[in-house]
Protein backbone atom coordinates (compact mmCIF):
# COMPACT_ATOMS: atom_id res chain seq x y z
CA UNK A 1 178.63 38.79 -107.30
CA UNK A 2 183.01 38.90 -108.20
CA UNK A 3 184.25 36.74 -111.00
CA UNK A 4 186.88 34.10 -110.39
CA UNK A 5 190.30 34.32 -111.06
CA UNK A 6 192.37 31.53 -112.41
CA UNK A 7 194.82 29.70 -109.46
CA UNK A 8 197.98 30.87 -110.01
CA UNK A 9 199.52 29.57 -106.38
CA UNK A 10 203.47 28.89 -106.28
CA UNK A 11 204.28 25.68 -104.98
CA UNK A 12 206.73 25.23 -101.79
CA UNK A 13 209.56 23.38 -102.32
CA UNK A 14 211.40 22.97 -98.95
CA UNK A 15 214.24 21.50 -98.13
CA UNK A 16 214.25 18.53 -95.82
CA UNK A 17 213.78 19.45 -91.73
CA UNK A 18 215.12 15.78 -91.40
CA UNK A 19 218.00 15.57 -92.64
CA UNK A 20 219.69 12.31 -91.72
CA UNK A 21 223.39 11.51 -91.34
CA UNK A 22 225.50 8.61 -91.00
CA UNK A 23 227.23 7.79 -87.49
CA UNK A 24 229.13 5.35 -85.68
CA UNK A 25 227.66 2.04 -84.62
CA UNK A 26 227.89 -0.66 -82.08
CA UNK A 27 226.78 -3.45 -79.96
CA UNK A 28 225.16 -0.98 -77.50
CA UNK A 29 222.04 0.39 -79.09
CA UNK A 30 219.26 -0.61 -81.17
CA UNK A 31 219.51 2.63 -83.01
CA UNK A 32 220.26 3.07 -86.49
CA UNK A 33 222.68 4.97 -88.38
CA UNK A 34 221.46 7.03 -91.57
CA UNK A 35 222.90 6.56 -95.10
CA UNK A 36 221.23 8.59 -97.86
CA UNK A 37 219.24 11.41 -98.48
CA UNK A 38 215.78 11.67 -96.09
CA UNK A 39 212.29 11.90 -97.00
CA UNK A 40 212.19 15.57 -97.35
CA UNK A 41 209.80 15.16 -94.44
CA UNK A 42 209.85 19.28 -95.13
CA UNK A 43 207.40 21.37 -93.47
CA UNK A 44 205.18 18.53 -94.26
CA UNK A 45 206.70 16.69 -91.26
CA UNK A 46 206.18 19.60 -89.23
CA UNK A 47 209.13 21.12 -90.39
CA UNK A 48 211.30 20.34 -87.20
CA UNK A 49 213.89 18.94 -86.65
CA UNK A 50 214.14 15.31 -86.01
CA UNK A 51 217.42 14.48 -85.50
CA UNK A 52 218.71 12.07 -82.78
CA UNK A 53 222.48 11.31 -82.68
CA UNK A 54 223.47 8.69 -80.22
CA UNK A 55 224.81 5.51 -80.83
CA UNK A 56 222.90 2.87 -82.60
CA UNK A 57 223.14 -1.04 -82.81
CA UNK A 58 224.47 -1.07 -86.25
CA UNK A 59 221.29 -0.37 -87.66
CA UNK A 60 221.16 2.20 -90.64
CA UNK A 61 218.65 4.50 -91.66
CA UNK A 62 217.56 4.19 -95.32
CA UNK A 63 215.43 7.66 -95.75
CA UNK A 64 212.66 8.16 -98.02
CA UNK A 65 215.11 10.18 -100.50
CA UNK A 66 214.26 13.78 -99.57
CA UNK A 67 215.13 16.74 -100.89
CA UNK A 68 218.76 17.52 -101.71
CA UNK A 69 219.70 19.06 -98.65
CA UNK A 70 223.31 18.75 -96.84
CA UNK A 71 223.42 15.19 -95.13
CA UNK A 72 224.55 15.60 -91.39
CA UNK A 73 228.63 15.42 -92.64
CA UNK A 74 228.84 12.25 -89.83
CA UNK A 75 231.29 10.15 -90.36
CA UNK A 76 229.91 6.11 -90.60
CA UNK A 77 232.87 4.70 -88.24
CA UNK A 78 232.79 1.14 -87.80
CA UNK A 79 233.41 1.64 -83.80
CA UNK A 80 233.97 3.86 -80.70
CA UNK A 81 236.34 6.45 -80.62
CA UNK A 82 238.31 6.13 -77.36
CA UNK A 83 237.30 9.26 -76.06
CA UNK A 84 235.36 11.94 -79.12
CA UNK A 85 234.51 15.17 -78.58
CA UNK A 86 235.68 15.37 -74.94
CA UNK A 87 239.71 14.65 -75.68
CA UNK A 88 239.38 16.77 -79.28
CA UNK A 89 240.71 19.59 -77.74
CA UNK A 90 236.67 21.42 -77.44
CA UNK A 91 236.82 22.88 -73.94
CA UNK A 92 233.56 21.69 -71.87
CA UNK A 93 232.84 25.34 -70.60
CA UNK A 94 229.01 25.79 -69.70
CA UNK A 95 228.08 21.58 -70.30
CA UNK A 96 225.03 22.32 -68.62
CA UNK A 97 225.48 25.16 -66.67
CA UNK A 98 224.50 25.83 -63.22
CA UNK A 99 221.05 24.42 -63.00
CA UNK A 100 222.42 20.90 -63.85
CA UNK A 101 225.20 20.13 -61.62
CA UNK A 102 228.16 17.86 -63.53
CA UNK A 103 227.64 14.27 -62.49
CA UNK A 104 224.28 14.13 -61.41
CA UNK A 105 221.80 12.35 -63.34
CA UNK A 106 221.29 13.33 -66.57
CA UNK A 107 224.19 16.21 -66.52
CA UNK A 108 226.99 16.62 -67.46
CA UNK A 109 230.51 13.83 -67.87
CA UNK A 110 233.15 13.06 -69.02
CA UNK A 111 233.58 9.38 -70.73
CA UNK A 112 236.41 7.33 -70.69
CA UNK A 113 234.76 4.59 -72.43
CA UNK A 114 237.29 2.61 -75.05
CA UNK A 115 236.51 1.72 -78.15
CA UNK A 116 236.27 -2.01 -77.69
CA UNK A 117 234.33 -1.38 -74.37
CA UNK A 118 231.08 -3.11 -74.49
CA UNK A 119 229.64 -1.19 -71.20
CA UNK A 120 229.22 2.09 -69.95
CA UNK A 121 231.17 3.09 -67.38
CA UNK A 122 230.47 5.83 -63.99
CA UNK A 123 233.37 7.63 -64.98
CA UNK A 124 232.85 10.91 -62.83
CA UNK A 125 229.20 10.67 -62.26
CA UNK A 126 227.69 10.19 -58.93
CA UNK A 127 227.31 6.42 -57.51
CA UNK A 128 224.58 4.30 -59.53
CA UNK A 129 224.78 6.34 -62.56
CA UNK A 130 226.59 5.78 -65.74
CA UNK A 131 228.23 8.20 -67.98
CA UNK A 132 227.00 8.29 -71.61
CA UNK A 133 229.00 9.65 -74.27
CA UNK A 134 226.51 11.22 -77.11
CA UNK A 135 228.60 12.83 -78.92
CA UNK A 136 231.38 9.63 -79.68
CA UNK A 137 228.35 7.74 -80.06
CA UNK A 138 227.01 9.70 -82.55
CA UNK A 139 230.30 9.82 -84.62
CA UNK A 140 228.93 14.09 -84.89
CA UNK A 141 231.78 16.16 -85.74
CA UNK A 142 229.71 19.31 -86.47
CA UNK A 143 229.59 19.42 -83.06
CA UNK A 144 230.23 22.99 -80.35
CA UNK A 145 231.03 20.66 -77.46
CA UNK A 146 230.82 17.32 -75.20
CA UNK A 147 227.89 16.01 -75.25
CA UNK A 148 228.14 13.18 -72.33
CA UNK A 149 225.59 12.58 -69.41
CA UNK A 150 225.24 10.56 -66.65
CA UNK A 151 222.01 8.54 -66.81
CA UNK A 152 220.54 5.73 -64.04
CA UNK A 153 220.07 2.47 -64.99
CA UNK A 154 216.75 0.26 -63.63
CA UNK A 155 214.63 -2.28 -63.35
CA UNK A 156 211.47 -1.10 -62.07
CA UNK A 157 209.81 2.38 -61.38
CA UNK A 158 210.95 2.04 -57.80
CA UNK A 159 214.66 2.43 -58.36
CA UNK A 160 214.46 5.62 -60.17
CA UNK A 161 212.92 8.90 -58.23
CA UNK A 162 209.90 10.52 -57.09
CA UNK A 163 208.00 10.68 -60.71
CA UNK A 164 210.26 8.79 -62.85
CA UNK A 165 209.31 6.09 -64.52
CA UNK A 166 211.70 3.20 -65.83
CA UNK A 167 211.97 2.80 -69.41
CA UNK A 168 213.71 1.02 -72.38
CA UNK A 169 216.84 3.60 -73.46
CA UNK A 170 217.37 1.75 -76.68
CA UNK A 171 220.88 0.56 -75.61
CA UNK A 172 221.47 -3.54 -75.58
CA UNK A 173 222.12 -5.17 -71.83
CA UNK A 174 225.62 -5.31 -72.65
CA UNK A 175 225.85 -1.06 -72.15
CA UNK A 176 224.60 -1.72 -68.66
CA UNK A 177 221.60 0.60 -69.21
CA UNK A 178 219.12 -1.34 -71.36
CA UNK A 179 216.32 1.05 -69.23
CA UNK A 180 217.21 3.92 -67.82
CA UNK A 181 215.02 6.37 -65.14
CA UNK A 182 213.03 8.77 -67.01
CA UNK A 183 211.30 12.24 -66.22
CA UNK A 184 208.40 11.41 -68.66
CA UNK A 185 207.88 9.62 -71.82
CA UNK A 186 206.42 11.17 -75.19
CA UNK A 187 204.39 8.83 -77.67
CA UNK A 188 205.36 7.97 -81.28
CA UNK A 189 206.60 10.29 -83.72
CA UNK A 190 207.85 12.76 -80.98
CA UNK A 191 211.00 14.23 -79.61
CA UNK A 192 212.20 12.39 -76.97
CA UNK A 193 215.58 12.78 -74.68
CA UNK A 194 217.55 11.10 -72.66
CA UNK A 195 219.49 13.88 -70.51
CA UNK A 196 218.84 16.98 -69.02
CA UNK A 197 221.11 19.29 -71.48
CA UNK A 198 220.35 22.94 -71.36
CA UNK A 199 222.63 24.02 -74.11
CA UNK A 200 223.00 22.85 -77.72
CA UNK A 201 226.05 21.74 -79.00
CA UNK A 202 224.83 21.40 -82.78
CA UNK A 203 225.43 24.77 -84.58
CA UNK A 204 221.76 26.92 -85.10
CA UNK A 205 219.47 24.31 -83.74
CA UNK A 206 217.91 24.21 -80.19
CA UNK A 207 217.16 21.76 -77.83
CA UNK A 208 213.36 19.77 -78.21
CA UNK A 209 213.66 18.24 -74.88
CA UNK A 210 215.94 20.66 -73.07
CA UNK A 211 216.15 20.53 -68.82
CA UNK A 212 214.10 16.96 -69.39
CA UNK A 213 214.95 12.87 -69.50
CA UNK A 214 212.57 12.10 -71.85
CA UNK A 215 211.85 8.57 -72.82
CA UNK A 216 209.22 6.46 -75.11
CA UNK A 217 205.90 5.23 -73.73
CA UNK A 218 204.55 1.86 -75.20
CA UNK A 219 206.35 0.20 -77.77
CA UNK A 220 208.44 3.19 -79.41
CA UNK A 221 212.22 3.24 -78.78
CA UNK A 222 213.86 6.48 -78.37
CA UNK A 223 215.92 6.62 -81.78
CA UNK A 224 219.08 8.34 -81.58
CA UNK A 225 222.37 8.10 -83.33
CA UNK A 226 220.80 8.72 -87.12
CA UNK A 227 219.50 12.33 -87.34
CA UNK A 228 222.06 15.22 -88.25
CA UNK A 229 219.42 18.28 -87.23
CA UNK A 230 219.11 17.79 -83.42
CA UNK A 231 221.23 17.24 -80.25
CA UNK A 232 222.96 13.60 -80.07
CA UNK A 233 221.24 12.96 -76.63
CA UNK A 234 218.02 13.21 -78.66
CA UNK A 235 216.19 11.18 -81.02
CA UNK A 236 212.19 10.31 -81.90
CA UNK A 237 210.05 7.81 -80.89
CA UNK A 238 209.61 5.20 -83.37
CA UNK A 239 209.03 1.41 -83.18
CA UNK A 240 210.70 -1.10 -86.06
CA UNK A 241 209.04 -3.68 -87.73
CA UNK A 242 209.48 -6.13 -90.35
CA UNK A 243 205.43 -6.61 -91.45
CA UNK A 244 202.06 -4.62 -90.75
CA UNK A 245 201.79 -7.54 -88.38
CA UNK A 246 204.40 -5.73 -86.17
CA UNK A 247 202.63 -2.64 -85.98
CA UNK A 248 199.24 -1.52 -84.98
CA UNK A 249 196.71 1.36 -83.32
CA UNK A 250 197.64 4.73 -84.69
CA UNK A 251 200.41 3.42 -86.64
CA UNK A 252 199.37 0.21 -88.60
CA UNK A 253 201.20 0.21 -92.19
CA UNK A 254 205.11 -1.26 -91.59
CA UNK A 255 206.58 1.25 -94.35
CA UNK A 256 209.68 -0.44 -94.91
CA UNK A 257 213.55 -0.22 -95.98
CA UNK A 258 213.86 2.94 -93.99
CA UNK A 259 216.52 1.42 -91.85
CA UNK A 260 218.88 -1.33 -92.45
CA UNK A 261 219.98 -3.76 -89.52
CA UNK A 262 223.89 -4.98 -88.59
CA UNK A 263 223.29 -7.48 -91.12
CA UNK A 264 222.14 -5.75 -93.99
CA UNK A 265 218.37 -6.82 -93.54
CA UNK A 266 215.80 -3.68 -93.93
CA UNK A 267 213.83 -2.73 -90.59
CA UNK A 268 210.70 -0.80 -91.12
CA UNK A 269 208.81 1.85 -89.13
CA UNK A 270 205.23 1.44 -88.02
CA UNK A 271 203.60 4.19 -89.65
CA UNK A 272 200.01 6.28 -90.10
CA UNK A 273 199.36 4.97 -93.20
CA UNK A 274 201.07 3.83 -97.02
CA UNK A 275 201.44 7.50 -98.58
CA UNK A 276 201.96 6.90 -102.47
CA UNK A 277 202.86 9.49 -105.39
CA UNK A 278 200.23 11.64 -104.84
CA UNK A 279 199.16 11.29 -101.57
CA UNK A 280 199.11 13.56 -98.71
CA UNK A 281 202.11 12.85 -96.37
CA UNK A 282 203.27 14.36 -93.13
CA UNK A 283 201.30 15.54 -90.18
CA UNK A 284 199.75 18.84 -88.93
CA UNK A 285 200.30 17.52 -85.44
CA UNK A 286 202.34 20.47 -83.98
CA UNK A 287 203.66 17.15 -80.75
CA UNK A 288 204.43 15.04 -83.99
CA UNK A 289 207.92 14.89 -86.02
CA UNK A 290 206.60 13.46 -89.45
CA UNK A 291 209.03 10.16 -89.44
CA UNK A 292 206.02 8.01 -88.75
CA UNK A 293 204.29 9.50 -91.75
CA UNK A 294 206.99 10.01 -94.80
CA UNK A 295 206.09 8.14 -98.06
CA UNK A 296 206.39 4.73 -98.76
CA UNK A 297 209.47 2.95 -99.58
CA UNK A 298 208.15 -0.45 -100.32
CA UNK A 299 209.39 -2.26 -103.38
CA UNK A 300 205.49 -1.33 -105.42
CA UNK A 301 205.91 2.87 -104.65
CA UNK A 302 207.34 5.05 -107.12
CA UNK A 303 210.76 5.10 -106.10
CA UNK A 304 212.40 8.20 -104.48
CA UNK A 305 209.52 9.88 -103.17
CA UNK A 306 209.63 12.68 -101.32
CA UNK A 307 207.20 14.45 -98.88
CA UNK A 308 206.53 18.09 -100.19
CA UNK A 309 204.78 21.25 -98.88
CA UNK A 310 202.54 22.81 -101.28
CA UNK A 311 199.85 25.79 -101.02
CA UNK A 312 196.92 22.72 -101.32
CA UNK A 313 197.59 21.02 -98.25
CA UNK A 314 197.74 22.21 -94.56
CA UNK A 315 200.57 23.40 -92.62
CA UNK A 316 202.57 20.23 -91.18
CA UNK A 317 201.54 18.36 -94.18
CA UNK A 318 202.69 17.62 -98.23
CA UNK A 319 202.31 15.85 -101.31
CA UNK A 320 204.23 12.72 -101.93
CA UNK A 321 206.18 13.35 -105.65
CA UNK A 322 209.13 12.00 -106.71
CA UNK A 323 212.30 13.27 -107.37
CA UNK A 324 214.08 12.03 -110.43
CA UNK A 325 217.48 12.36 -112.38
CA UNK A 326 217.33 11.32 -116.16
CA UNK A 327 220.40 9.82 -116.06
CA UNK A 328 220.58 7.79 -112.80
CA UNK A 329 217.15 7.71 -111.72
CA UNK A 330 214.32 8.75 -113.93
CA UNK A 331 210.69 8.88 -113.64
CA UNK A 332 208.57 5.82 -114.16
CA UNK A 333 206.63 5.93 -117.62
CA UNK A 334 203.04 6.94 -116.14
CA UNK A 335 202.53 8.56 -112.80
CA UNK A 336 199.16 9.03 -111.28
CA UNK A 337 195.99 8.51 -113.64
CA UNK A 338 198.10 6.38 -116.11
CA UNK A 339 199.58 9.91 -117.41
CA UNK A 340 202.65 9.73 -119.13
CA UNK A 341 205.25 11.92 -117.26
CA UNK A 342 208.64 13.42 -117.06
CA UNK A 343 211.64 14.56 -115.54
CA UNK A 344 210.93 18.34 -114.89
CA UNK A 345 214.63 20.25 -114.36
CA UNK A 346 214.45 22.15 -111.27
CA UNK A 347 218.10 23.73 -110.69
CA UNK A 348 217.14 26.64 -108.78
CA UNK A 349 216.00 23.92 -106.23
CA UNK A 350 218.39 21.22 -107.49
CA UNK A 351 222.30 22.94 -107.01
CA UNK A 352 224.64 21.24 -109.02
CA UNK A 353 226.55 18.30 -107.52
CA UNK A 354 222.80 16.84 -106.67
CA UNK A 355 221.63 13.53 -106.84
CA UNK A 356 218.37 14.74 -108.48
CA UNK A 357 217.73 16.99 -110.60
CA UNK A 358 213.87 17.41 -110.85
CA UNK A 359 210.52 16.36 -109.88
CA UNK A 360 208.56 14.01 -111.59
CA UNK A 361 205.46 15.65 -113.62
CA UNK A 362 202.19 15.12 -116.25
CA UNK A 363 200.68 17.43 -118.52
CA UNK A 364 197.96 17.63 -116.44
CA UNK A 365 195.30 20.67 -115.91
CA UNK A 366 191.49 21.21 -114.30
CA UNK A 367 190.11 22.70 -117.73
CA UNK A 368 188.41 20.25 -117.62
CA UNK A 369 189.92 17.42 -114.89
CA UNK A 370 192.13 15.36 -116.65
CA UNK A 371 193.06 13.15 -113.63
CA UNK A 372 190.90 10.52 -113.91
CA UNK A 373 192.45 8.36 -111.53
CA UNK A 374 190.36 7.10 -108.54
CA UNK A 375 193.10 7.97 -106.19
CA UNK A 376 193.98 6.25 -102.49
CA UNK A 377 190.76 7.18 -100.88
CA UNK A 378 188.40 6.37 -103.28
CA UNK A 379 187.95 9.93 -104.03
CA UNK A 380 189.08 10.89 -107.27
CA UNK A 381 192.44 12.62 -108.22
CA UNK A 382 192.81 16.76 -109.42
CA UNK A 383 195.55 18.44 -110.91
CA UNK A 384 197.61 19.89 -108.49
CA UNK A 385 200.38 22.61 -109.47
CA UNK A 386 198.99 22.89 -112.56
CA UNK A 387 200.20 26.49 -113.94
CA UNK A 388 202.76 26.79 -111.70
CA UNK A 389 206.27 27.55 -113.07
CA UNK A 390 210.00 27.60 -111.64
CA UNK A 391 212.36 30.51 -111.84
CA UNK A 392 213.37 28.94 -114.61
CA UNK A 393 210.08 28.77 -116.88
CA UNK A 394 209.83 25.21 -116.19
CA UNK A 395 205.93 24.05 -115.38
CA UNK A 396 205.21 21.06 -112.94
CA UNK A 397 202.11 19.14 -112.34
CA UNK A 398 201.56 16.59 -110.72
CA UNK A 399 197.71 13.93 -110.01
CA UNK A 400 197.25 14.40 -106.83
CA UNK A 401 194.75 12.25 -104.61
CA UNK A 402 191.34 13.96 -103.12
CA UNK A 403 190.13 13.53 -99.67
CA UNK A 404 187.26 14.44 -97.82
CA UNK A 405 184.82 15.18 -96.16
CA UNK A 406 184.54 17.21 -99.43
CA UNK A 407 183.76 21.11 -100.13
CA UNK A 408 180.68 22.66 -100.76
CA UNK A 409 180.71 23.72 -104.30
CA UNK A 410 180.25 27.33 -105.94
CA UNK A 411 178.34 27.55 -108.40
CA UNK A 412 178.47 30.05 -111.39
CA UNK A 413 176.50 31.48 -113.99
CA UNK A 414 176.86 31.00 -118.11
CA UNK A 415 179.45 34.26 -117.95
CA UNK A 416 181.10 33.09 -115.06
CA UNK A 417 179.81 35.22 -112.46
CA UNK A 418 179.31 34.06 -109.02
CA UNK A 419 175.95 32.68 -107.84
CA UNK A 420 176.26 31.21 -104.75
CA UNK A 421 179.80 30.54 -102.76
CA UNK A 422 180.62 27.59 -101.32
CA UNK A 423 183.18 26.82 -99.10
CA UNK A 424 186.72 28.66 -98.93
CA UNK A 425 188.94 25.57 -100.13
CA UNK A 426 191.91 27.77 -99.88
CA UNK A 427 193.33 25.97 -96.59
CA UNK A 428 192.68 21.92 -97.90
CA UNK A 429 192.35 22.16 -101.81
CA UNK A 430 192.62 18.42 -101.66
CA UNK A 431 188.61 18.35 -100.24
CA UNK A 432 187.13 19.78 -103.68
CA UNK A 433 184.71 17.26 -104.68
CA UNK A 434 185.50 15.51 -108.03
CA UNK A 435 185.72 17.18 -110.78
CA UNK A 436 186.28 20.38 -109.16
CA UNK A 437 189.67 22.09 -108.18
CA UNK A 438 190.33 25.21 -105.91
CA UNK A 439 190.17 28.40 -107.66
CA UNK A 440 191.28 31.75 -106.15
CA UNK A 441 188.64 33.89 -105.79
CA UNK A 442 190.43 37.40 -106.15
CA UNK A 443 190.47 37.97 -102.77
CA UNK A 444 192.93 35.31 -101.16
CA UNK A 445 190.33 32.76 -100.80
CA UNK A 446 189.16 29.74 -102.56
CA UNK A 447 186.07 28.24 -103.98
CA UNK A 448 185.70 24.81 -105.73
CA UNK A 449 184.61 25.28 -109.20
CA UNK A 450 184.40 22.75 -112.07
CA UNK A 451 186.65 23.67 -114.84
CA UNK A 452 185.85 23.31 -118.47
CA UNK A 453 187.54 23.77 -122.42
CA UNK A 454 185.62 26.39 -124.09
CA UNK A 455 186.62 24.83 -127.35
CA UNK A 456 184.22 21.98 -126.92
CA UNK A 457 186.51 19.66 -126.14
CA UNK A 458 184.87 16.60 -123.88
CA UNK A 459 183.96 16.35 -121.52
CA UNK A 460 181.52 18.94 -121.76
CA UNK A 461 179.73 20.77 -118.77
CA UNK A 462 176.81 18.69 -119.38
CA UNK A 463 178.86 15.90 -118.71
CA UNK A 464 180.50 16.99 -115.74
CA UNK A 465 177.98 18.65 -114.17
CA UNK A 466 174.76 16.29 -114.72
CA UNK A 467 172.66 19.16 -116.05
CA UNK A 468 171.84 19.34 -119.71
CA UNK A 469 171.87 23.45 -119.63
CA UNK A 470 175.23 23.47 -117.95
CA UNK A 471 177.81 25.34 -120.46
CA UNK A 472 181.15 26.77 -120.10
CA UNK A 473 182.30 30.01 -119.38
CA UNK A 474 185.36 31.29 -120.79
CA UNK A 475 187.55 32.33 -117.92
CA UNK A 476 190.68 32.63 -119.95
CA UNK A 477 190.15 30.79 -123.21
CA UNK A 478 190.76 27.84 -124.00
CA UNK A 479 189.47 27.82 -119.78
CA UNK A 480 186.22 28.23 -118.32
CA UNK A 481 183.78 27.34 -115.50
CA UNK A 482 181.01 24.89 -115.76
CA UNK A 483 177.77 27.29 -115.72
CA UNK A 484 174.12 27.29 -115.93
CA UNK A 485 171.14 29.39 -116.00
């Protein structure tokens, strides 16, 4: 049988796909304004862009401090400009193209709304429709053309067309369109879009709901006016909360402080769980954006947690890792498993001028497993990122939580030769049972194996495996594998 090799996977650190930026806030909508860096959402949050550009009610997003990526550059405007992008010299060519006739429901219009207006106007929309200037409401300055469309206010489904539903728009009653007709409704943490636009006005960004008016079902609201990396007429279906009592079902945890309302009070988002340092975050559901599975922002959580993709977890997910700066945002003295942690610099990840300079790292490895914490799921912890190095030679490692169901261990003899092949753990290293780790098999796969120290340091293989005849077979001294004849 083949000899197992030490795992040398390189950690993947992806800039946030959830870059949020500031946008203007007034009385029309309950959507938030972005003000800081987001939780990196990385590919961990499915890697999709989630930016809502539409107006907000003066609610400000305080995202989960993601990897330093460019903020949207959107200005935090106190009110509505008189005409926004429409009168800024940008031509209206092709907005939207022929299949969506201007002036019809969901299609292009030209808003004349003023900075002191409290209601949307009909403008050049057909009768019973109102023109919403998504570009103006978002405060965006990066758009290549106007994003303004007609919506149909409603009270009940019968006010809408065949197959449509009447749902909450997120705008307040003063707007004249607190509820509008929608072609369909998405679920929590999915993309929504309140126009039928067919052309994206955000450079290098595609539309997520092109051609359809997509609202939100259940208790979710289409949150627009926050996110910088999608069209301003699109958003994400989220539910705001003040406590867990406001949440339930698939999103039982109120992740606090993600937004700030017009009165400066924090608002949370109903989320799929409370994900602290070293825990798995994000979602593998391709229909979900990942905003509802970000790292914890509660006061008892490590500050500046960011959901970062690593080779240890499935595509779309990540691990909550703390970003740091020794001057302004130092690491807590100890991290998961109670090990001392330090701010490890990564200049190739954080460019000059970034708020953060590195990642909070602990000195751990899996030979033997030095991460002795019980973990959030009670399945223990392991050393993630051990023996992985940045381009500048800085090592990074973190005690990360284990999850179930557990993979089957592989077994070895006293010379580290493979005796029985267990499950291939390469797709999800978090499932290797305590106290094993996922080690590369030399052929692109991975085996759950129990590491040890060939110098005889405790704990010994007898203690780790419960077998009195188990020995530490040399792998790459002083690292070894527990084997038994």
